[in-house]
Amino acid sequence: MSVFRSNTQIYVQLIDDLTGTTVLSASSRSKAIAEQKVNKTEQAKLVGKLAAELSLAKGINAVVFDRNGYLYHGRVKSLADAAREGGLKF
């Protein structure tokens, strides 16, 4: 589970390390999340929940969390917490 954070958006990808392919992705640019008028931390929570729902639907329940050098604080932390609450195991 790889996280990318820009100034305005947050993205997460579930990547299969053996084949190097992206299994699924979720971002704050998805229509359901972008329509909601919430702050960036709340957007990150929604992306974490969406990523957890999509991964559980594909049968993935355990991931390795890659924060890509970002501090585990703020939006990155809220995304990870929401993914855990959604049922993913890190």
Protein backbone atom coordinates (compact mmCIF):
# COMPACT_ATOMS: atom_id res chain seq x y z
CA MET A 1 0.00 0.00 0.00
CA SER A 2 1.84 3.05 -1.29
CA VAL A 3 0.77 6.60 -0.42
CA PHE A 4 1.42 9.76 -2.43
CA ARG A 5 0.49 13.13 -1.01
CA SER A 6 0.45 16.39 -2.96
CA ASN A 7 -0.46 19.83 -1.69
CA THR A 8 -4.11 19.36 -2.52
CA GLN A 9 -4.75 15.64 -3.14
CA ILE A 10 -3.87 12.25 -1.66
CA TYR A 11 -3.52 8.97 -3.57
CA VAL A 12 -3.04 5.36 -2.50
CA GLN A 13 -2.13 2.31 -4.60
CA LEU A 14 -2.07 -1.35 -3.71
CA ILE A 15 0.89 -2.80 -5.57
CA ASP A 16 1.80 -6.46 -6.06
CA ASP A 17 5.55 -6.53 -5.34
CA LEU A 18 6.14 -9.83 -7.11
CA THR A 19 4.80 -8.70 -10.47
CA GLY A 20 5.22 -4.94 -10.03
CA THR A 21 1.64 -4.21 -11.02
CA THR A 22 -0.95 -1.99 -9.41
CA VAL A 23 -3.83 -4.07 -8.09
CA LEU A 24 -6.08 -1.12 -7.26
CA SER A 25 -5.94 2.56 -6.50
CA ALA A 26 -8.00 5.20 -4.72
CA SER A 27 -7.63 8.95 -4.54
CA SER A 28 -9.26 12.11 -3.30
CA ARG A 29 -10.03 12.94 -6.95
CA SER A 30 -12.64 10.17 -7.20
CA LYS A 31 -16.08 11.62 -7.84
CA ALA A 32 -17.66 10.50 -4.56
CA ILE A 33 -14.89 12.05 -2.46
CA ALA A 34 -14.31 15.19 -4.55
CA GLU A 35 -17.97 16.20 -4.30
CA GLN A 36 -17.82 16.39 -0.52
CA LYS A 37 -16.71 19.71 0.91
CA VAL A 38 -14.35 18.56 3.67
CA ASN A 39 -10.82 19.48 4.69
CA LYS A 40 -7.76 17.56 3.49
CA THR A 41 -7.52 15.38 6.61
CA GLU A 42 -11.12 14.28 6.22
CA GLN A 43 -10.45 13.58 2.52
CA ALA A 44 -7.58 11.31 3.56
CA LYS A 45 -9.91 9.39 5.89
CA LEU A 46 -12.39 8.89 3.07
CA VAL A 47 -9.62 7.66 0.75
CA GLY A 48 -8.45 5.20 3.43
CA LYS A 49 -11.96 3.84 3.84
CA LEU A 50 -12.40 3.55 0.08
CA ALA A 51 -9.08 1.73 -0.29
CA ALA A 52 -10.06 -0.71 2.46
CA GLU A 53 -13.46 -1.40 0.86
CA LEU A 54 -11.95 -2.00 -2.58
CA SER A 55 -9.18 -4.24 -1.26
CA LEU A 56 -11.52 -6.36 0.84
CA ALA A 57 -13.78 -6.76 -2.20
CA LYS A 58 -10.77 -8.14 -4.11
CA GLY A 59 -9.90 -10.51 -1.25
CA ILE A 60 -6.90 -8.54 0.06
CA ASN A 61 -6.93 -8.15 3.83
CA ALA A 62 -3.25 -7.67 4.73
CA VAL A 63 -0.88 -5.08 3.26
CA VAL A 64 2.50 -3.50 3.92
CA PHE A 65 2.16 0.26 4.44
CA ASP A 66 4.63 2.42 2.49
CA ARG A 67 4.44 6.08 3.46
CA ASN A 68 6.98 7.08 0.73
CA GLY A 69 9.12 9.15 3.08
CA TYR A 70 6.25 11.30 4.34
CA LEU A 71 6.03 11.72 8.09
CA TYR A 72 3.47 9.47 9.75
CA HIS A 73 1.44 12.47 10.79
CA GLY A 74 -1.62 14.38 9.64
CA ARG A 75 -3.13 13.16 6.38
CA VAL A 76 -0.93 10.07 6.07
CA LYS A 77 -1.83 8.96 9.59
CA SER A 78 -5.55 9.57 9.11
CA LEU A 79 -5.51 7.57 5.85
CA ALA A 80 -3.77 4.66 7.58
CA ASP A 81 -6.12 4.76 10.58
CA ALA A 82 -9.19 4.78 8.34
CA ALA A 83 -7.83 1.84 6.32
CA ARG A 84 -7.28 -0.10 9.56
CA GLU A 85 -10.80 0.72 10.72
CA GLY A 86 -12.05 -0.46 7.33
CA GLY A 87 -10.58 -3.91 7.97
CA LEU A 88 -7.07 -3.88 6.50
CA LYS A 89 -4.22 -5.32 8.54
CA PHE A 90 -0.79 -3.70 8.29
